[in-house]
Amino acid sequence: MSLSSHLTELKKKHEHLSMEVEQAQRAPGADGLQVAAMKKQKLKLKEEIARLSVAEVAH
């Protein structure tokens, strides 16, 4: 898998997770721990995207 296609896939996952977080936060009785875990996963994806974006520009 090329770097650009990997980045595209990570961005899709990040966007999907963003939608899931928004839905979970709007739901009555949302599990705060689950939302926090999703936000943490979303942040990790964002950091990975940023790291790979820098690597892509360097090449």
Protein backbone atom coordinates (compact mmCIF):
# COMPACT_ATOMS: atom_id res chain seq x y z
CA MET A 1 0.00 0.00 0.00
CA SER A 2 1.41 3.37 -0.96
CA LEU A 3 1.83 6.11 1.59
CA SER A 4 -0.83 8.30 0.00
CA SER A 5 -3.41 5.49 -0.05
CA HIS A 6 -2.58 4.65 3.57
CA LEU A 7 -3.09 8.31 4.50
CA THR A 8 -6.42 8.34 2.67
CA GLU A 9 -7.54 5.25 4.58
CA LEU A 10 -6.51 6.77 7.92
CA LYS A 11 -8.41 9.97 7.10
CA LYS A 12 -11.53 7.94 6.28
CA LYS A 13 -11.25 6.09 9.59
CA HIS A 14 -10.78 9.40 11.43
CA GLU A 15 -13.87 10.91 9.77
CA HIS A 16 -15.95 7.81 10.53
CA LEU A 17 -14.85 7.88 14.15
CA SER A 18 -15.72 11.59 14.36
CA MET A 19 -19.26 10.80 13.29
CA GLU A 20 -19.50 7.97 15.82
CA VAL A 21 -18.30 10.26 18.62
CA GLU A 22 -20.86 12.92 17.68
CA GLN A 23 -23.67 10.37 17.61
CA ALA A 24 -22.63 8.87 20.93
CA GLN A 25 -22.46 12.30 22.58
CA ARG A 26 -25.98 13.15 21.39
CA ALA A 27 -27.46 9.86 22.56
CA PRO A 28 -29.22 9.95 25.92
CA GLY A 29 -27.36 7.90 28.49
CA ALA A 30 -24.15 7.84 26.46
CA ASP A 31 -21.33 5.88 28.05
CA GLY A 32 -18.73 8.49 28.97
CA LEU A 33 -15.92 5.94 29.09
CA GLN A 34 -16.75 4.65 25.62
CA VAL A 35 -16.86 8.19 24.24
CA ALA A 36 -13.52 8.96 25.89
CA ALA A 37 -12.00 5.80 24.38
CA MET A 38 -13.25 6.76 20.92
CA LYS A 39 -11.84 10.27 21.32
CA LYS A 40 -8.48 8.82 22.34
CA GLN A 41 -8.48 6.53 19.30
CA LYS A 42 -9.43 9.50 17.11
CA LEU A 43 -6.51 11.50 18.50
CA LYS A 44 -4.10 8.64 17.80
CA LEU A 45 -5.32 8.52 14.20
CA LYS A 46 -4.90 12.28 13.88
CA GLU A 47 -1.33 12.08 15.21
CA GLU A 48 -0.51 9.23 12.81
CA ILE A 49 -1.97 11.21 9.89
CA ALA A 50 0.13 14.23 10.84
CA ARG A 51 3.28 12.12 11.19
CA LEU A 52 2.78 10.43 7.84
CA SER A 53 1.86 13.71 6.13
CA VAL A 54 5.21 15.15 7.17
CA ALA A 55 6.96 12.01 5.88
CA GLU A 56 5.10 12.29 2.57
CA VAL A 57 6.12 15.93 2.12
CA ALA A 58 9.75 15.08 2.94
CA HIS A 59 9.88 12.62 0.04
